[in-house]
């Protein structure tokens, strides 16, 4: 079976974001179109790669959290889509699980929810009983961490039991940390809002290395697909700015402009990449011929 792409979506930059979301993002419990149509030939895979390569490489995608819903944001075009009522309240912070890009959100009541990135519905995974889960991040192996005064400094979170294990309470900056993220190499960066100071955090013991002064009013950090550190800063009551941060020069660059502002920041790290898509197509073709 060979699929045809309609002429209305032939320009790469005009392919509907919903189409890209369903093909590439592969939310939990669902499969991208190329996985669902197992009888399709390699022709479909090649056509899809050629049609969408420009968008997948150019657009920076991510999520922010409103009080009761998650918002999908294209930070390149500044377009946003409210995913719908979640059934939960008081969203505070969010991050994507590296192994499958499932989206997890914390609430002001200490709950940790998994949010369906298509329907927006939230399912409670566990309740920690801690009201200070304002800065969370997964490490490369999928361990969840939180940083801040109300979690006792730096703490790991058990998603099965909800138990928080404090790693370090001594660094003074944990009393006012407002942005925190861990990259794919387990390098953790945090920012203290009182001193406006950037730190690197040792995840094994919670000790910090001072990086220097960085002016701003950052509300959240996350790392992009290429390892760039991004920071979200409130611009007006309803809009925010995304900045890229150079931790070597302690400088920031305005990424693209204003977007719908909410809580937390989770950059999509290119799940179901075009490279994997191509490999999947080859595998299906080989299986079919076998």
Protein backbone atom coordinates (compact mmCIF):
# COMPACT_ATOMS: atom_id res chain seq x y z
CA UNK A 1 0.00 0.00 0.00
CA UNK A 2 1.42 3.38 -1.00
CA UNK A 3 0.06 6.51 0.63
CA UNK A 4 -0.34 9.78 -1.23
CA UNK A 5 0.35 13.20 0.23
CA UNK A 6 -2.19 15.81 -0.86
CA UNK A 7 -0.92 18.90 -2.59
CA UNK A 8 -2.44 21.09 0.12
CA UNK A 9 0.30 20.03 2.55
CA UNK A 10 3.21 19.88 0.14
CA UNK A 11 5.04 23.05 1.35
CA UNK A 12 7.09 21.85 4.32
CA UNK A 13 6.51 24.98 6.37
CA UNK A 14 2.73 24.75 5.95
CA UNK A 15 2.20 21.21 7.20
CA UNK A 16 -0.34 21.36 9.97
CA UNK A 17 1.17 21.15 13.46
CA UNK A 18 -1.40 18.53 14.44
CA UNK A 19 -0.23 16.35 11.55
CA UNK A 20 3.38 16.63 12.69
CA UNK A 21 2.40 16.01 16.29
CA UNK A 22 0.60 12.78 15.48
CA UNK A 23 3.34 11.52 13.15
CA UNK A 24 6.43 12.33 15.19
CA UNK A 25 5.59 12.85 18.86
CA UNK A 26 4.13 9.39 19.51
CA UNK A 27 2.36 10.01 22.86
CA UNK A 28 1.92 7.13 25.27
CA UNK A 29 -0.65 4.59 24.18
CA UNK A 30 -0.64 5.77 20.58
CA UNK A 31 1.43 5.14 17.53
CA UNK A 32 2.52 7.48 14.78
CA UNK A 33 0.92 6.88 11.40
CA UNK A 34 4.00 5.15 10.05
CA UNK A 35 3.76 2.59 12.87
CA UNK A 36 0.03 2.00 12.40
CA UNK A 37 0.27 1.21 8.69
CA UNK A 38 2.64 -1.71 8.85
CA UNK A 39 2.01 -2.72 5.25
CA UNK A 40 3.21 0.58 3.82
CA UNK A 41 6.31 0.50 1.64
CA UNK A 42 9.54 2.41 1.92
CA UNK A 43 8.12 4.88 -0.63
CA UNK A 44 5.84 6.35 2.04
CA UNK A 45 8.71 6.75 4.48
CA UNK A 46 10.89 8.53 1.93
CA UNK A 47 8.08 10.84 0.83
CA UNK A 48 7.29 11.72 4.44
CA UNK A 49 10.94 12.46 5.19
CA UNK A 50 11.27 14.74 2.19
CA UNK A 51 8.02 16.53 2.93
CA UNK A 52 8.67 17.23 6.61
CA UNK A 53 12.43 17.42 7.08
CA UNK A 54 12.49 21.22 7.01
CA UNK A 55 9.84 21.60 9.73
CA UNK A 56 11.25 18.92 12.03
CA UNK A 57 14.71 20.45 11.94
CA UNK A 58 13.66 24.10 12.20
CA UNK A 59 10.83 24.35 14.71
CA UNK A 60 11.49 24.25 18.44
CA UNK A 61 8.50 22.67 20.16
CA UNK A 62 7.59 22.41 23.81
CA UNK A 63 4.99 22.58 26.56
CA UNK A 64 4.06 25.02 29.30
CA UNK A 65 1.52 24.43 32.06
CA UNK A 66 -1.52 26.54 32.84
CA UNK A 67 -3.37 26.20 36.12
CA UNK A 68 -5.45 23.29 34.88
CA UNK A 69 -4.24 22.47 31.38
CA UNK A 70 -1.10 21.96 29.33
CA UNK A 71 -0.35 24.20 26.38
CA UNK A 72 1.67 23.04 23.38
CA UNK A 73 3.89 25.83 22.03
CA UNK A 74 5.78 26.16 18.77
CA UNK A 75 8.49 28.55 19.94
CA UNK A 76 9.57 29.19 16.35
CA UNK A 77 6.19 30.36 15.04
CA UNK A 78 4.91 31.42 18.51
CA UNK A 79 1.72 29.45 17.92
CA UNK A 80 0.16 27.71 20.92
CA UNK A 81 -2.57 25.13 21.35
CA UNK A 82 -4.45 24.55 24.60
CA UNK A 83 -4.68 20.78 24.93
CA UNK A 84 -7.94 20.95 26.83
CA UNK A 85 -9.16 20.59 30.42
CA UNK A 86 -6.98 18.12 32.29
CA UNK A 87 -9.26 17.33 35.20
CA UNK A 88 -6.56 18.51 37.64
CA UNK A 89 -5.74 21.88 39.19
CA UNK A 90 -2.72 23.91 40.30
CA UNK A 91 -0.09 22.86 37.77
CA UNK A 92 3.38 24.03 38.83
CA UNK A 93 6.18 22.39 36.85
CA UNK A 94 6.57 19.83 34.09
CA UNK A 95 9.11 17.67 32.28
CA UNK A 96 9.31 14.88 29.70
CA UNK A 97 10.49 11.39 30.65
CA UNK A 98 13.55 10.81 28.39
CA UNK A 99 12.81 7.16 27.54
CA UNK A 100 9.41 7.76 25.93
CA UNK A 101 8.65 11.49 26.21
CA UNK A 102 5.67 10.96 28.50
CA UNK A 103 4.78 14.32 30.02
CA UNK A 104 4.70 14.66 33.81
CA UNK A 105 3.27 17.67 35.67
CA UNK A 106 3.39 18.57 39.36
CA UNK A 107 0.65 20.39 41.24
CA UNK A 108 0.50 22.79 44.16
CA UNK A 109 -1.03 20.02 46.27
CA UNK A 110 1.96 17.72 45.84
CA UNK A 111 0.48 15.55 43.12
CA UNK A 112 2.43 14.25 40.12
CA UNK A 113 0.33 13.64 37.02
CA UNK A 114 0.97 12.13 33.63
CA UNK A 115 -0.68 14.20 30.92
CA UNK A 116 -1.85 12.85 27.57
CA UNK A 117 -0.33 15.25 25.02
CA UNK A 118 -3.21 14.72 22.59
CA UNK A 119 -6.30 14.95 24.80
CA UNK A 120 -4.70 16.96 27.62
CA UNK A 121 -6.22 14.66 30.24
CA UNK A 122 -4.18 14.20 33.42
CA UNK A 123 -3.87 10.96 35.37
CA UNK A 124 -2.43 11.10 38.88
CA UNK A 125 0.63 8.90 39.23
CA UNK A 126 1.39 9.58 42.87
CA UNK A 127 0.90 12.23 45.55
CA UNK A 128 4.03 13.26 47.43
CA UNK A 129 2.25 15.43 49.98
CA UNK A 130 4.87 18.12 49.29
CA UNK A 131 3.61 21.51 48.14
CA UNK A 132 6.97 22.75 46.85
CA UNK A 133 7.40 20.84 43.59
CA UNK A 134 8.03 24.00 41.57
CA UNK A 135 11.24 22.87 39.84
CA UNK A 136 11.40 19.29 38.57
CA UNK A 137 13.61 17.57 36.01
CA UNK A 138 14.34 14.00 34.91
CA UNK A 139 17.91 12.82 34.52
CA UNK A 140 18.98 10.70 31.55
CA UNK A 141 17.99 7.43 33.22
CA UNK A 142 14.51 8.65 34.15
CA UNK A 143 15.02 9.51 37.82
CA UNK A 144 12.95 12.53 38.80
CA UNK A 145 14.49 15.32 40.88
CA UNK A 146 13.16 18.48 42.49
CA UNK A 147 15.02 21.54 43.70
CA UNK A 148 13.84 24.18 46.14
CA UNK A 149 13.41 25.18 49.73
CA UNK A 150 10.20 23.25 50.36
CA UNK A 151 11.69 19.95 49.21
CA UNK A 152 14.63 20.42 51.55
CA UNK A 153 17.14 21.54 48.90
CA UNK A 154 17.78 18.94 46.22
CA UNK A 155 15.66 15.77 46.38
CA UNK A 156 14.95 12.69 44.31
CA UNK A 157 11.35 11.53 43.90
CA UNK A 158 10.17 7.94 43.79
CA UNK A 159 7.32 7.84 41.27
CA UNK A 160 6.01 4.57 42.69
CA UNK A 161 5.76 5.61 46.34
CA UNK A 162 5.87 9.42 46.22
CA UNK A 163 8.73 9.46 48.73
CA UNK A 164 11.18 12.37 48.48
CA UNK A 165 14.78 11.66 49.44
CA UNK A 166 16.79 14.76 50.32
CA UNK A 167 20.26 14.80 48.77
CA UNK A 168 21.59 18.10 50.10
CA UNK A 169 20.15 20.92 52.17
CA UNK A 170 23.26 23.00 52.75
CA UNK A 171 23.68 25.26 49.67
CA UNK A 172 22.03 28.56 50.51
CA UNK A 173 20.71 29.09 46.99
CA UNK A 174 18.13 26.31 47.33
CA UNK A 175 15.97 28.72 49.32
CA UNK A 176 15.26 30.80 46.22
CA UNK A 177 15.96 28.63 43.19
CA UNK A 178 13.36 29.33 40.50
CA UNK A 179 14.78 27.50 37.47
CA UNK A 180 16.35 24.06 37.29
CA UNK A 181 17.05 21.52 34.53
CA UNK A 182 19.15 18.41 33.84
CA UNK A 183 20.52 17.68 30.36
CA UNK A 184 21.06 14.36 28.56
CA UNK A 185 24.56 14.02 30.06
CA UNK A 186 23.18 14.55 33.60
CA UNK A 187 24.63 18.04 33.87
CA UNK A 188 22.26 20.07 36.06
CA UNK A 189 21.97 23.86 35.95
CA UNK A 190 20.00 25.99 38.41
CA UNK A 191 19.39 29.70 38.89
CA UNK A 192 18.90 31.61 42.13
CA UNK A 193 16.35 34.41 41.76
CA UNK A 194 17.48 36.42 44.81
CA UNK A 195 21.15 36.71 43.85
CA UNK A 196 20.49 36.23 40.12
CA UNK A 197 23.24 33.66 40.10
CA UNK A 198 23.77 30.60 37.92
CA UNK A 199 25.04 27.31 39.39
CA UNK A 200 25.96 23.84 38.22
CA UNK A 201 24.59 21.17 40.55
CA UNK A 202 26.34 17.89 41.31
CA UNK A 203 23.46 15.41 41.26
CA UNK A 204 25.30 12.86 43.37
CA UNK A 205 25.64 15.05 46.46
CA UNK A 206 23.74 18.26 45.68
CA UNK A 207 26.80 20.47 46.00
CA UNK A 208 27.00 23.43 43.67
CA UNK A 209 29.63 25.12 41.53
CA UNK A 210 29.17 28.83 40.98
CA UNK A 211 29.00 29.87 37.33
CA UNK A 212 28.38 33.56 37.85
CA UNK A 213 25.90 36.41 37.70
CA UNK A 214 23.06 36.17 35.16
CA UNK A 215 20.49 38.94 35.13
CA UNK A 216 16.86 38.02 34.59
CA UNK A 217 13.60 36.89 36.15
CA UNK A 218 13.57 33.31 34.96
CA UNK A 219 10.68 31.03 35.86
CA UNK A 220 11.88 27.75 34.31
CA UNK A 221 14.78 26.07 32.49
CA UNK A 222 14.99 23.21 30.04
CA UNK A 223 17.53 21.88 27.57
CA UNK A 224 16.85 21.73 23.85
CA UNK A 225 17.57 18.88 21.42
CA UNK A 226 21.07 20.21 20.71
CA UNK A 227 21.97 20.74 24.37
CA UNK A 228 21.16 24.46 24.41
CA UNK A 229 19.85 25.71 27.75
CA UNK A 230 16.58 27.61 27.39
CA UNK A 231 15.00 29.87 29.99
CA UNK A 232 11.43 31.10 30.22
CA UNK A 233 10.84 34.57 31.57
CA UNK A 234 7.55 36.32 32.18
CA UNK A 235 7.16 39.37 29.90
CA UNK A 236 3.62 40.54 30.64
CA UNK A 237 0.82 39.10 32.76
CA UNK A 238 -0.12 36.75 29.92
CA UNK A 239 2.98 36.42 27.75
CA UNK A 240 6.50 35.13 28.18
CA UNK A 241 9.85 35.18 26.40
CA UNK A 242 12.13 32.24 25.68
CA UNK A 243 15.87 32.86 25.94
CA UNK A 244 18.83 30.72 25.05
CA UNK A 245 21.51 30.79 27.75
CA UNK A 246 25.25 30.54 27.14
CA UNK A 247 26.61 29.22 30.44
CA UNK A 248 30.20 29.91 29.35
CA UNK A 249 29.76 33.61 28.66
CA UNK A 250 26.82 34.09 31.07
CA UNK A 251 24.83 35.75 28.33
CA UNK A 252 21.31 35.28 27.05
CA UNK A 253 19.70 35.72 23.65
CA UNK A 254 16.01 36.35 23.01
CA UNK A 255 14.90 33.29 21.08
CA UNK A 256 11.92 34.41 19.00
CA UNK A 257 9.60 36.66 20.98
CA UNK A 258 6.40 36.53 22.99
CA UNK A 259 4.26 33.45 23.51
CA UNK A 260 1.45 32.43 25.82
CA UNK A 261 2.95 32.48 29.31
CA UNK A 262 2.19 29.88 31.97
CA UNK A 263 4.13 27.72 34.47
CA UNK A 264 7.02 25.39 33.74
CA UNK A 265 8.84 24.56 30.53
CA UNK A 266 9.42 21.28 28.71
CA UNK A 267 11.22 21.31 25.35
CA UNK A 268 10.42 18.38 23.08
CA UNK A 269 13.74 16.56 22.48
CA UNK A 270 12.86 15.34 18.96
CA UNK A 271 11.13 12.05 19.79
CA UNK A 272 10.56 9.67 16.88
CA UNK A 273 13.19 11.50 14.85
CA UNK A 274 13.44 11.33 11.10
CA UNK A 275 16.47 9.09 11.48
CA UNK A 276 14.52 6.56 13.53
CA UNK A 277 11.62 6.94 11.14
CA UNK A 278 13.84 5.89 8.28
CA UNK A 279 15.19 2.91 10.23
CA UNK A 280 11.65 1.89 11.13
CA UNK A 281 10.61 2.00 7.50
CA UNK A 282 13.55 -0.15 6.47
CA UNK A 283 12.71 -2.63 9.19
CA UNK A 284 9.10 -2.87 8.06
CA UNK A 285 10.15 -3.32 4.47
CA UNK A 286 12.55 -6.11 5.41
CA UNK A 287 9.87 -7.81 7.48
CA UNK A 288 7.38 -7.59 4.63
CA UNK A 289 9.81 -9.12 2.14
CA UNK A 290 10.72 -11.86 4.58
